[in-house]
Amino acid sequence: MQSLSADLPETPFAAKLALELRLCPGMDREDAVQEAWLAALEGRNPARAVNTFAQRERRHRRREPAIACEAMRSFRLSAIRAERAARRRNARRDALMASPSARESTHA
C-alpha cells in the first residue's frame, strides 16, 4: 500500500483521519481520500467525512444483494395491471353470482 500522507489534506485531525482511512476498505480508500479533501475544503472535519462515507458504502453494499434479488424477477407494469383488472372482474362476477337475484335471472 502506498503512503497516503502526501495525498491527505493538512488538518488538526490528521491522526484521526489516518485511523479512519486505515479502517476504510481498500477498494474505497481512494474515494475516501477525495471525501477527506472535499470536507477539508468545505471546512468540515475530514475524519468524520471519511467515517460517514465508509458507513454509507457499507449500508449500500448490505442492500445490494437484496436489490439484486428483486431485480432478477422481471415484470411489466401492464401485466400487473391486467392481472389486477382480471381479479377485480372475477371478484365482481363471483359477487353477482352469489346474490339470489342473479341466480334467478340466469335460471329463468
PDB file of N, CA and C in Angstrom:
ATOM      1  N   MET A   1       0.847  -1.179   0.000  1.00  0.00           N
ATOM      2  CA  MET A   1       0.000   0.000   0.000  1.00  0.00           C
ATOM      3  C   MET A   1       0.887   1.234   0.000  1.00  0.00           C
ATOM      4  N   GLN A   2       0.552   2.182  -0.854  1.00  0.00           N
ATOM      5  CA  GLN A   2       1.346   3.402  -0.891  1.00  0.00           C
ATOM      6  C   GLN A   2       0.977   4.305   0.271  1.00  0.00           C
ATOM      7  N   SER A   3       1.888   5.162   0.636  1.00  0.00           N
ATOM      8  CA  SER A   3       1.647   6.079   1.744  1.00  0.00           C
ATOM      9  C   SER A   3       0.660   7.151   1.299  1.00  0.00           C
ATOM     10  N   LEU A   4      -0.348   7.373   2.114  1.00  0.00           N
ATOM     11  CA  LEU A   4      -1.350   8.377   1.787  1.00  0.00           C
ATOM     12  C   LEU A   4      -1.043   9.731   2.404  1.00  0.00           C
ATOM     13  N   SER A   5       0.031   9.821   3.184  1.00  0.00           N
ATOM     14  CA  SER A   5       0.301  11.065   3.909  1.00  0.00           C
ATOM     15  C   SER A   5       0.527  12.242   2.964  1.00  0.00           C
ATOM     16  N   ALA A   6       1.112  12.016   1.789  1.00  0.00           N
ATOM     17  CA  ALA A   6       1.352  13.110   0.850  1.00  0.00           C
ATOM     18  C   ALA A   6       0.050  13.563   0.197  1.00  0.00           C
ATOM     19  N   ASP A   7      -0.937  12.662   0.118  1.00  0.00           N
ATOM     20  CA  ASP A   7      -2.191  12.971  -0.549  1.00  0.00           C
ATOM     21  C   ASP A   7      -3.251  13.539   0.388  1.00  0.00           C
ATOM     22  N   LEU A   8      -2.997  13.536   1.685  1.00  0.00           N
ATOM     23  CA  LEU A   8      -4.016  13.963   2.644  1.00  0.00           C
ATOM     24  C   LEU A   8      -3.949  15.455   2.901  1.00  0.00           C
ATOM     25  N   PRO A   9      -5.091  16.058   3.187  1.00  0.00           N
ATOM     26  CA  PRO A   9      -5.100  17.489   3.496  1.00  0.00           C
ATOM     27  C   PRO A   9      -4.468  17.771   4.850  1.00  0.00           C
ATOM     28  N   GLU A  10      -3.902  18.962   4.989  1.00  0.00           N
ATOM     29  CA  GLU A  10      -3.357  19.396   6.285  1.00  0.00           C
ATOM     30  C   GLU A  10      -4.531  19.714   7.196  1.00  0.00           C
ATOM     31  N   THR A  11      -4.585  19.027   8.322  1.00  0.00           N
ATOM     32  CA  THR A  11      -5.709  19.208   9.237  1.00  0.00           C
ATOM     33  C   THR A  11      -5.255  18.913  10.658  1.00  0.00           C
ATOM     34  N   PRO A  12      -5.889  19.538  11.642  1.00  0.00           N
ATOM     35  CA  PRO A  12      -5.546  19.211  13.030  1.00  0.00           C
ATOM     36  C   PRO A  12      -6.006  17.807  13.421  1.00  0.00           C
ATOM     37  N   PHE A  13      -6.820  17.179  12.585  1.00  0.00           N
ATOM     38  CA  PHE A  13      -7.328  15.841  12.861  1.00  0.00           C
ATOM     39  C   PHE A  13      -6.563  14.788  12.072  1.00  0.00           C
ATOM     40  N   ALA A  14      -5.297  15.018  11.787  1.00  0.00           N
ATOM     41  CA  ALA A  14      -4.522  14.130  10.921  1.00  0.00           C
ATOM     42  C   ALA A  14      -4.457  12.695  11.463  1.00  0.00           C
ATOM     43  N   ALA A  15      -4.282  12.532  12.769  1.00  0.00           N
ATOM     44  CA  ALA A  15      -4.192  11.190  13.347  1.00  0.00           C
ATOM     45  C   ALA A  15      -5.530  10.451  13.212  1.00  0.00           C
ATOM     46  N   LYS A  16      -6.615  11.178  13.499  1.00  0.00           N
ATOM     47  CA  LYS A  16      -7.939  10.558  13.372  1.00  0.00           C
ATOM     48  C   LYS A  16      -8.245  10.229  11.917  1.00  0.00           C
ATOM     49  N   LEU A  17      -7.836  11.125  11.024  1.00  0.00           N
ATOM     50  CA  LEU A  17      -8.056  10.887   9.604  1.00  0.00           C
ATOM     51  C   LEU A  17      -7.292   9.648   9.133  1.00  0.00           C
ATOM     52  N   ALA A  18      -6.051   9.512   9.564  1.00  0.00           N
ATOM     53  CA  ALA A  18      -5.254   8.337   9.184  1.00  0.00           C
ATOM     54  C   ALA A  18      -5.892   7.055   9.717  1.00  0.00           C
ATOM     55  N   LEU A  19      -6.425   7.118  10.941  1.00  0.00           N
ATOM     56  CA  LEU A  19      -7.088   5.951  11.521  1.00  0.00           C
ATOM     57  C   LEU A  19      -8.340   5.588  10.706  1.00  0.00           C
ATOM     58  N   GLU A  20      -9.143   6.587  10.383  1.00  0.00           N
ATOM     59  CA  GLU A  20     -10.362   6.322   9.611  1.00  0.00           C
ATOM     60  C   GLU A  20     -10.026   5.744   8.238  1.00  0.00           C
ATOM     61  N   LEU A  21      -8.957   6.234   7.642  1.00  0.00           N
ATOM     62  CA  LEU A  21      -8.553   5.705   6.336  1.00  0.00           C
ATOM     63  C   LEU A  21      -8.062   4.267   6.443  1.00  0.00           C
ATOM     64  N   ARG A  22      -7.398   3.929   7.553  1.00  0.00           N
ATOM     65  CA  ARG A  22      -6.960   2.546   7.741  1.00  0.00           C
ATOM     66  C   ARG A  22      -8.152   1.614   7.926  1.00  0.00           C
ATOM     67  N   LEU A  23      -9.209   2.122   8.557  1.00  0.00           N
ATOM     68  CA  LEU A  23     -10.398   1.305   8.788  1.00  0.00           C
ATOM     69  C   LEU A  23     -11.288   1.190   7.551  1.00  0.00           C
ATOM     70  N   CYS A  24     -11.061   2.052   6.604  1.00  0.00           N
ATOM     71  CA  CYS A  24     -11.846   2.054   5.363  1.00  0.00           C
ATOM     72  C   CYS A  24     -11.365   0.914   4.462  1.00  0.00           C
ATOM     73  N   PRO A  25     -12.268   0.171   3.822  1.00  0.00           N
ATOM     74  CA  PRO A  25     -11.839  -0.916   2.925  1.00  0.00           C
ATOM     75  C   PRO A  25     -10.943  -0.399   1.805  1.00  0.00           C
ATOM     76  N   GLY A  26      -9.994  -1.214   1.390  1.00  0.00           N
ATOM     77  CA  GLY A  26      -9.013  -0.805   0.385  1.00  0.00           C
ATOM     78  C   GLY A  26      -9.626  -0.328  -0.916  1.00  0.00           C
ATOM     79  N   MET A  27     -10.727  -0.969  -1.337  1.00  0.00           N
ATOM     80  CA  MET A  27     -11.319  -0.571  -2.610  1.00  0.00           C
ATOM     81  C   MET A  27     -11.976   0.799  -2.546  1.00  0.00           C
ATOM     82  N   ASP A  28     -12.274   1.279  -1.332  1.00  0.00           N
ATOM     83  CA  ASP A  28     -12.913   2.583  -1.177  1.00  0.00           C
ATOM     84  C   ASP A  28     -11.940   3.671  -0.730  1.00  0.00           C
ATOM     85  N   ARG A  29     -10.691   3.315  -0.530  1.00  0.00           N
ATOM     86  CA  ARG A  29      -9.762   4.259   0.076  1.00  0.00           C
ATOM     87  C   ARG A  29      -9.539   5.491  -0.790  1.00  0.00           C
ATOM     88  N   GLU A  30      -9.450   5.325  -2.091  1.00  0.00           N
ATOM     89  CA  GLU A  30      -9.236   6.472  -2.972  1.00  0.00           C
ATOM     90  C   GLU A  30     -10.410   7.441  -2.891  1.00  0.00           C
ATOM     91  N   ASP A  31     -11.622   6.902  -2.898  1.00  0.00           N
ATOM     92  CA  ASP A  31     -12.814   7.748  -2.774  1.00  0.00           C
ATOM     93  C   ASP A  31     -12.873   8.399  -1.401  1.00  0.00           C
ATOM     94  N   ALA A  32     -12.405   7.675  -0.385  1.00  0.00           N
ATOM     95  CA  ALA A  32     -12.404   8.235   0.966  1.00  0.00           C
ATOM     96  C   ALA A  32     -11.440   9.419   1.059  1.00  0.00           C
ATOM     97  N   VAL A  33     -10.294   9.335   0.382  1.00  0.00           N
ATOM     98  CA  VAL A  33      -9.350  10.461   0.366  1.00  0.00           C
ATOM     99  C   VAL A  33      -9.998  11.662  -0.317  1.00  0.00           C
ATOM    100  N   GLN A  34     -10.735  11.420  -1.389  1.00  0.00           N
ATOM    101  CA  GLN A  34     -11.436  12.519  -2.053  1.00  0.00           C
ATOM    102  C   GLN A  34     -12.480  13.141  -1.134  1.00  0.00           C
ATOM    103  N   GLU A  35     -13.174  12.317  -0.387  1.00  0.00           N
ATOM    104  CA  GLU A  35     -14.145  12.832   0.588  1.00  0.00           C
ATOM    105  C   GLU A  35     -13.441  13.671   1.651  1.00  0.00           C
ATOM    106  N   ALA A  36     -12.259  13.215   2.076  1.00  0.00           N
ATOM    107  CA  ALA A  36     -11.492  13.968   3.072  1.00  0.00           C
ATOM    108  C   ALA A  36     -11.093  15.337   2.525  1.00  0.00           C
ATOM    109  N   TRP A  37     -10.618  15.373   1.292  1.00  0.00           N
ATOM    110  CA  TRP A  37     -10.237  16.642   0.686  1.00  0.00           C
ATOM    111  C   TRP A  37     -11.448  17.574   0.556  1.00  0.00           C
ATOM    112  N   LEU A  38     -12.547  17.040   0.118  1.00  0.00           N
ATOM    113  CA  LEU A  38     -13.746  17.847  -0.033  1.00  0.00           C
ATOM    114  C   LEU A  38     -14.185  18.426   1.305  1.00  0.00           C
ATOM    115  N   ALA A  39     -14.171  17.612   2.335  1.00  0.00           N
ATOM    116  CA  ALA A  39     -14.550  18.084   3.672  1.00  0.00           C
ATOM    117  C   ALA A  39     -13.584  19.153   4.159  1.00  0.00           C
ATOM    118  N   ALA A  40     -12.285  18.946   3.929  1.00  0.00           N
ATOM    119  CA  ALA A  40     -11.296  19.941   4.373  1.00  0.00           C
ATOM    120  C   ALA A  40     -11.507  21.271   3.652  1.00  0.00           C
ATOM    121  N   LEU A  41     -11.787  21.206   2.356  1.00  0.00           N
ATOM    122  CA  LEU A  41     -12.009  22.443   1.598  1.00  0.00           C
ATOM    123  C   LEU A  41     -13.304  23.142   2.005  1.00  0.00           C
ATOM    124  N   GLU A  42     -14.279  22.373   2.469  1.00  0.00           N
ATOM    125  CA  GLU A  42     -15.537  22.961   2.937  1.00  0.00           C
ATOM    126  C   GLU A  42     -15.474  23.394   4.390  1.00  0.00           C
ATOM    127  N   GLY A  43     -14.375  23.084   5.062  1.00  0.00           N
ATOM    128  CA  GLY A  43     -14.223  23.470   6.457  1.00  0.00           C
ATOM    129  C   GLY A  43     -14.817  22.469   7.433  1.00  0.00           C
ATOM    130  N   ARG A  44     -15.121  21.274   6.975  1.00  0.00           N
ATOM    131  CA  ARG A  44     -15.648  20.231   7.850  1.00  0.00           C
ATOM    132  C   ARG A  44     -14.519  19.330   8.325  1.00  0.00           C
ATOM    133  N   ASN A  45     -14.826  18.455   9.247  1.00  0.00           N
ATOM    134  CA  ASN A  45     -13.847  17.522   9.792  1.00  0.00           C
ATOM    135  C   ASN A  45     -13.631  16.383   8.778  1.00  0.00           C
ATOM    136  N   PRO A  46     -12.434  16.257   8.204  1.00  0.00           N
ATOM    137  CA  PRO A  46     -12.183  15.201   7.207  1.00  0.00           C
ATOM    138  C   PRO A  46     -12.326  13.789   7.770  1.00  0.00           C
ATOM    139  N   ALA A  47     -11.936  13.583   9.031  1.00  0.00           N
ATOM    140  CA  ALA A  47     -12.046  12.250   9.634  1.00  0.00           C
ATOM    141  C   ALA A  47     -13.510  11.842   9.736  1.00  0.00           C
ATOM    142  N   ARG A  48     -14.355  12.763  10.129  1.00  0.00           N
ATOM    143  CA  ARG A  48     -15.786  12.464  10.226  1.00  0.00           C
ATOM    144  C   ARG A  48     -16.373  12.200   8.838  1.00  0.00           C
ATOM    145  N   ALA A  49     -15.930  12.963   7.850  1.00  0.00           N
ATOM    146  CA  ALA A  49     -16.412  12.761   6.481  1.00  0.00           C
ATOM    147  C   ALA A  49     -16.031  11.380   5.964  1.00  0.00           C
ATOM    148  N   VAL A  50     -14.819  10.934   6.249  1.00  0.00           N
ATOM    149  CA  VAL A  50     -14.380   9.605   5.811  1.00  0.00           C
ATOM    150  C   VAL A  50     -15.191   8.523   6.523  1.00  0.00           C
ATOM    151  N   ASN A  51     -15.427   8.716   7.815  1.00  0.00           N
ATOM    152  CA  ASN A  51     -16.221   7.758   8.574  1.00  0.00           C
ATOM    153  C   ASN A  51     -17.634   7.670   8.008  1.00  0.00           C
ATOM    154  N   THR A  52     -18.241   8.807   7.728  1.00  0.00           N
ATOM    155  CA  THR A  52     -19.593   8.837   7.165  1.00  0.00           C
ATOM    156  C   THR A  52     -19.621   8.167   5.800  1.00  0.00           C
ATOM    157  N   PHE A  53     -18.607   8.439   4.985  1.00  0.00           N
ATOM    158  CA  PHE A  53     -18.518   7.821   3.671  1.00  0.00           C
ATOM    159  C   PHE A  53     -18.430   6.296   3.789  1.00  0.00           C
ATOM    160  N   ALA A  54     -17.585   5.817   4.709  1.00  0.00           N
ATOM    161  CA  ALA A  54     -17.413   4.364   4.883  1.00  0.00           C
ATOM    162  C   ALA A  54     -18.717   3.717   5.347  1.00  0.00           C
ATOM    163  N   GLN A  55     -19.430   4.375   6.268  1.00  0.00           N
ATOM    164  CA  GLN A  55     -20.712   3.843   6.729  1.00  0.00           C
ATOM    165  C   GLN A  55     -21.718   3.787   5.594  1.00  0.00           C
ATOM    166  N   ARG A  56     -21.757   4.846   4.791  1.00  0.00           N
ATOM    167  CA  ARG A  56     -22.690   4.893   3.663  1.00  0.00           C
ATOM    168  C   ARG A  56     -22.406   3.766   2.672  1.00  0.00           C
ATOM    169  N   GLU A  57     -21.122   3.530   2.396  1.00  0.00           N
ATOM    170  CA  GLU A  57     -20.757   2.457   1.472  1.00  0.00           C
ATOM    171  C   GLU A  57     -21.101   1.079   2.042  1.00  0.00           C
ATOM    172  N   ARG A  58     -20.892   0.895   3.358  1.00  0.00           N
ATOM    173  CA  ARG A  58     -21.249  -0.388   3.984  1.00  0.00           C
ATOM    174  C   ARG A  58     -22.749  -0.645   3.878  1.00  0.00           C
ATOM    175  N   ARG A  59     -23.551   0.394   4.166  1.00  0.00           N
ATOM    176  CA  ARG A  59     -25.003   0.245   4.049  1.00  0.00           C
ATOM    177  C   ARG A  59     -25.396  -0.081   2.621  1.00  0.00           C
ATOM    178  N   HIS A  60     -24.762   0.609   1.684  1.00  0.00           N
ATOM    179  CA  HIS A  60     -25.066   0.376   0.270  1.00  0.00           C
ATOM    180  C   HIS A  60     -24.759  -1.062  -0.127  1.00  0.00           C
ATOM    181  N   ARG A  61     -23.626  -1.569   0.305  1.00  0.00           N
ATOM    182  CA  ARG A  61     -23.242  -2.939  -0.045  1.00  0.00           C
ATOM    183  C   ARG A  61     -24.134  -3.973   0.627  1.00  0.00           C
ATOM    184  N   ARG A  62     -24.609  -3.662   1.844  1.00  0.00           N
ATOM    185  CA  ARG A  62     -25.527  -4.583   2.518  1.00  0.00           C
ATOM    186  C   ARG A  62     -26.848  -4.665   1.762  1.00  0.00           C
ATOM    187  N   ARG A  63     -27.272  -3.555   1.179  1.00  0.00           N
ATOM    188  CA  ARG A  63     -28.556  -3.530   0.467  1.00  0.00           C
ATOM    189  C   ARG A  63     -28.448  -4.099  -0.936  1.00  0.00           C
ATOM    190  N   GLU A  64     -27.279  -4.087  -1.531  1.00  0.00           N
ATOM    191  CA  GLU A  64     -27.119  -4.535  -2.912  1.00  0.00           C
ATOM    192  C   GLU A  64     -27.660  -5.937  -3.170  1.00  0.00           C
ATOM    193  N   PRO A  65     -27.352  -6.941  -2.359  1.00  0.00           N
ATOM    194  CA  PRO A  65     -27.875  -8.280  -2.650  1.00  0.00           C
ATOM    195  C   PRO A  65     -29.395  -8.315  -2.653  1.00  0.00           C
ATOM    196  N   ALA A  66     -30.027  -7.594  -1.729  1.00  0.00           N
ATOM    197  CA  ALA A  66     -31.487  -7.575  -1.682  1.00  0.00           C
ATOM    198  C   ALA A  66     -32.052  -6.927  -2.943  1.00  0.00           C
ATOM    199  N   ILE A  67     -31.446  -5.857  -3.386  1.00  0.00           N
ATOM    200  CA  ILE A  67     -31.905  -5.185  -4.595  1.00  0.00           C
ATOM    201  C   ILE A  67     -31.664  -6.075  -5.805  1.00  0.00           C
ATOM    202  N   ALA A  68     -30.529  -6.731  -5.856  1.00  0.00           N
ATOM    203  CA  ALA A  68     -30.199  -7.589  -6.996  1.00  0.00           C
ATOM    204  C   ALA A  68     -31.179  -8.761  -7.093  1.00  0.00           C
ATOM    205  N   CYS A  69     -31.590  -9.325  -5.963  1.00  0.00           N
ATOM    206  CA  CYS A  69     -32.542 -10.440  -5.990  1.00  0.00           C
ATOM    207  C   CYS A  69     -33.889  -9.983  -6.525  1.00  0.00           C
ATOM    208  N   GLU A  70     -34.328  -8.800  -6.119  1.00  0.00           N
ATOM    209  CA  GLU A  70     -35.596  -8.280  -6.614  1.00  0.00           C
ATOM    210  C   GLU A  70     -35.513  -7.960  -8.098  1.00  0.00           C
ATOM    211  N   ALA A  71     -34.353  -7.507  -8.539  1.00  0.00           N
ATOM    212  CA  ALA A  71     -34.203  -7.136  -9.942  1.00  0.00           C
ATOM    213  C   ALA A  71     -34.187  -8.360 -10.848  1.00  0.00           C
ATOM    214  N   MET A  72     -33.858  -9.518 -10.311  1.00  0.00           N
ATOM    215  CA  MET A  72     -33.802 -10.725 -11.126  1.00  0.00           C
ATOM    216  C   MET A  72     -35.188 -11.092 -11.661  1.00  0.00           C
ATOM    217  N   ARG A  73     -36.213 -10.797 -10.864  1.00  0.00           N
ATOM    218  CA  ARG A  73     -37.569 -11.116 -11.274  1.00  0.00           C
ATOM    219  C   ARG A  73     -38.083  -9.992 -12.161  1.00  0.00           C
ATOM    220  N   SER A  74     -38.152 -10.226 -13.451  1.00  0.00           N
ATOM    221  CA  SER A  74     -38.599  -9.174 -14.345  1.00  0.00           C
ATOM    222  C   SER A  74     -40.119  -9.158 -14.397  1.00  0.00           C
ATOM    223  N   PHE A  75     -40.664  -7.995 -14.594  1.00  0.00           N
ATOM    224  CA  PHE A  75     -42.105  -7.857 -14.686  1.00  0.00           C
ATOM    225  C   PHE A  75     -42.429  -6.636 -15.531  1.00  0.00           C
ATOM    226  N   ARG A  76     -43.639  -6.621 -16.014  1.00  0.00           N
ATOM    227  CA  ARG A  76     -44.136  -5.474 -16.773  1.00  0.00           C
ATOM    228  C   ARG A  76     -45.319  -4.900 -16.017  1.00  0.00           C
ATOM    229  N   LEU A  77     -45.342  -3.590 -15.926  1.00  0.00           N
ATOM    230  CA  LEU A  77     -46.450  -2.952 -15.223  1.00  0.00           C
ATOM    231  C   LEU A  77     -47.776  -3.253 -15.916  1.00  0.00           C
ATOM    232  N   SER A  78     -47.773  -3.318 -17.228  1.00  0.00           N
ATOM    233  CA  SER A  78     -49.014  -3.606 -17.947  1.00  0.00           C
ATOM    234  C   SER A  78     -49.548  -4.987 -17.571  1.00  0.00           C
ATOM    235  N   ALA A  79     -48.654  -5.952 -17.384  1.00  0.00           N
ATOM    236  CA  ALA A  79     -49.082  -7.296 -16.987  1.00  0.00           C
ATOM    237  C   ALA A  79     -49.660  -7.287 -15.575  1.00  0.00           C
ATOM    238  N   ILE A  80     -49.044  -6.523 -14.683  1.00  0.00           N
ATOM    239  CA  ILE A  80     -49.548  -6.434 -13.307  1.00  0.00           C
ATOM    240  C   ILE A  80     -50.919  -5.774 -13.307  1.00  0.00           C
ATOM    241  N   ARG A  81     -51.086  -4.687 -14.082  1.00  0.00           N
ATOM    242  CA  ARG A  81     -52.377  -4.000 -14.153  1.00  0.00           C
ATOM    243  C   ARG A  81     -53.447  -4.918 -14.733  1.00  0.00           C
ATOM    244  N   ALA A  82     -53.103  -5.656 -15.781  1.00  0.00           N
ATOM    245  CA  ALA A  82     -54.068  -6.570 -16.395  1.00  0.00           C
ATOM    246  C   ALA A  82     -54.479  -7.662 -15.412  1.00  0.00           C
ATOM    247  N   GLU A  83     -53.530  -8.168 -14.646  1.00  0.00           N
ATOM    248  CA  GLU A  83     -53.837  -9.197 -13.657  1.00  0.00           C
ATOM    249  C   GLU A  83     -54.773  -8.654 -12.581  1.00  0.00           C
ATOM    250  N   ARG A  84     -54.512  -7.422 -12.109  1.00  0.00           N
ATOM    251  CA  ARG A  84     -55.391  -6.815 -11.099  1.00  0.00           C
ATOM    252  C   ARG A  84     -56.794  -6.595 -11.653  1.00  0.00           C
ATOM    253  N   ALA A  85     -56.877  -6.124 -12.898  1.00  0.00           N
ATOM    254  CA  ALA A  85     -58.184  -5.897 -13.512  1.00  0.00           C
ATOM    255  C   ALA A  85     -58.946  -7.209 -13.642  1.00  0.00           C
ATOM    256  N   ALA A  86     -58.269  -8.274 -14.032  1.00  0.00           N
ATOM    257  CA  ALA A  86     -58.912  -9.578 -14.153  1.00  0.00           C
ATOM    258  C   ALA A  86     -59.408 -10.070 -12.802  1.00  0.00           C
ATOM    259  N   ARG A  87     -58.608  -9.863 -11.754  1.00  0.00           N
ATOM    260  CA  ARG A  87     -59.048 -10.268 -10.409  1.00  0.00           C
ATOM    261  C   ARG A  87     -60.286  -9.504  -9.976  1.00  0.00           C
ATOM    262  N   ARG A  88     -60.308  -8.190 -10.278  1.00  0.00           N
ATOM    263  CA  ARG A  88     -61.487  -7.383  -9.917  1.00  0.00           C
ATOM    264  C   ARG A  88     -62.726  -7.861 -10.681  1.00  0.00           C
ATOM    265  N   ARG A  89     -62.560  -8.135 -11.984  1.00  0.00           N
ATOM    266  CA  ARG A  89     -63.688  -8.624 -12.780  1.00  0.00           C
ATOM    267  C   ARG A  89     -64.203  -9.951 -12.221  1.00  0.00           C
ATOM    268  N   ASN A  90     -63.285 -10.838 -11.899  1.00  0.00           N
ATOM    269  CA  ASN A  90     -63.689 -12.137 -11.357  1.00  0.00           C
ATOM    270  C   ASN A  90     -64.369 -11.991 -10.005  1.00  0.00           C
ATOM    271  N   ALA A  91     -63.875 -11.081  -9.182  1.00  0.00           N
ATOM    272  CA  ALA A  91     -64.487 -10.864  -7.872  1.00  0.00           C
ATOM    273  C   ALA A  91     -65.889 -10.300  -8.032  1.00  0.00           C
ATOM    274  N   ARG A  92     -66.087  -9.366  -8.959  1.00  0.00           N
ATOM    275  CA  ARG A  92     -67.429  -8.812  -9.204  1.00  0.00           C
ATOM    276  C   ARG A  92     -68.374  -9.896  -9.722  1.00  0.00           C
ATOM    277  N   ARG A  93     -67.880 -10.687 -10.665  1.00  0.00           N
ATOM    278  CA  ARG A  93     -68.704 -11.754 -11.224  1.00  0.00           C
ATOM    279  C   ARG A  93     -69.102 -12.750 -10.137  1.00  0.00           C
ATOM    280  N   ASP A  94     -68.142 -13.105  -9.289  1.00  0.00           N
ATOM    281  CA  ASP A  94     -68.440 -14.040  -8.208  1.00  0.00           C
ATOM    282  C   ASP A  94     -69.441 -13.448  -7.225  1.00  0.00           C
ATOM    283  N   ALA A  95     -69.311 -12.145  -6.954  1.00  0.00           N
ATOM    284  CA  ALA A  95     -70.246 -11.493  -6.037  1.00  0.00           C
ATOM    285  C   ALA A  95     -71.642 -11.461  -6.645  1.00  0.00           C
ATOM    286  N   LEU A  96     -71.727 -11.195  -7.934  1.00  0.00           N
ATOM    287  CA  LEU A  96     -73.034 -11.186  -8.591  1.00  0.00           C
ATOM    288  C   LEU A  96     -73.662 -12.570  -8.626  1.00  0.00           C
ATOM    289  N   MET A  97     -72.850 -13.557  -8.872  1.00  0.00           N
ATOM    290  CA  MET A  97     -73.358 -14.926  -8.941  1.00  0.00           C
ATOM    291  C   MET A  97     -73.800 -15.425  -7.561  1.00  0.00           C
ATOM    292  N   ALA A  98     -73.225 -14.875  -6.522  1.00  0.00           N
ATOM    293  CA  ALA A  98     -73.581 -15.299  -5.169  1.00  0.00           C
ATOM    294  C   ALA A  98     -74.893 -14.679  -4.705  1.00  0.00           C
ATOM    295  N   SER A  99     -75.334 -13.570  -5.318  1.00  0.00           N
ATOM    296  CA  SER A  99     -76.576 -12.931  -4.890  1.00  0.00           C
ATOM    297  C   SER A  99     -77.775 -13.729  -5.404  1.00  0.00           C
ATOM    298  N   PRO A 100     -78.882 -13.773  -4.640  1.00  0.00           N
ATOM    299  CA  PRO A 100     -80.052 -14.581  -5.035  1.00  0.00           C
ATOM    300  C   PRO A 100     -80.699 -14.092  -6.332  1.00  0.00           C
ATOM    301  N   SER A 101     -80.756 -12.787  -6.565  1.00  0.00           N
ATOM    302  CA  SER A 101     -81.419 -12.271  -7.770  1.00  0.00           C
ATOM    303  C   SER A 101     -80.652 -12.670  -9.033  1.00  0.00           C
ATOM    304  N   ALA A 102     -79.329 -12.767  -8.952  1.00  0.00           N
ATOM    305  CA  ALA A 102     -78.525 -13.153 -10.113  1.00  0.00           C
ATOM    306  C   ALA A 102     -78.756 -14.614 -10.461  1.00  0.00           C
ATOM    307  N   ARG A 103     -78.941 -15.463  -9.455  1.00  0.00           N
ATOM    308  CA  ARG A 103     -79.173 -16.880  -9.724  1.00  0.00           C
ATOM    309  C   ARG A 103     -80.532 -17.108 -10.382  1.00  0.00           C
ATOM    310  N   GLU A 104     -81.537 -16.332  -9.944  1.00  0.00           N
ATOM    311  CA  GLU A 104     -82.874 -16.478 -10.525  1.00  0.00           C
ATOM    312  C   GLU A 104     -82.876 -16.032 -11.977  1.00  0.00           C
ATOM    313  N   SER A 105     -82.156 -14.933 -12.287  1.00  0.00           N
ATOM    314  CA  SER A 105     -82.182 -14.410 -13.648  1.00  0.00           C
ATOM    315  C   SER A 105     -81.426 -15.331 -14.609  1.00  0.00           C
ATOM    316  N   THR A 106     -80.414 -16.028 -14.137  1.00  0.00           N
ATOM    317  CA  THR A 106     -79.671 -16.928 -15.024  1.00  0.00           C
ATOM    318  C   THR A 106     -80.418 -18.230 -15.268  1.00  0.00           C
ATOM    319  N   HIS A 107     -81.269 -18.665 -14.305  1.00  0.00           N
ATOM    320  CA  HIS A 107     -82.001 -19.911 -14.465  1.00  0.00           C
ATOM    321  C   HIS A 107     -83.346 -19.724 -15.131  1.00  0.00           C
ATOM    322  N   ALA A 108     -83.818 -18.557 -15.232  1.00  0.00           N
ATOM    323  CA  ALA A 108     -85.168 -18.324 -15.769  1.00  0.00           C
ATOM    324  C   ALA A 108     -85.215 -18.258 -17.264  1.00  0.00           C
TER     325      ALA A 108
END
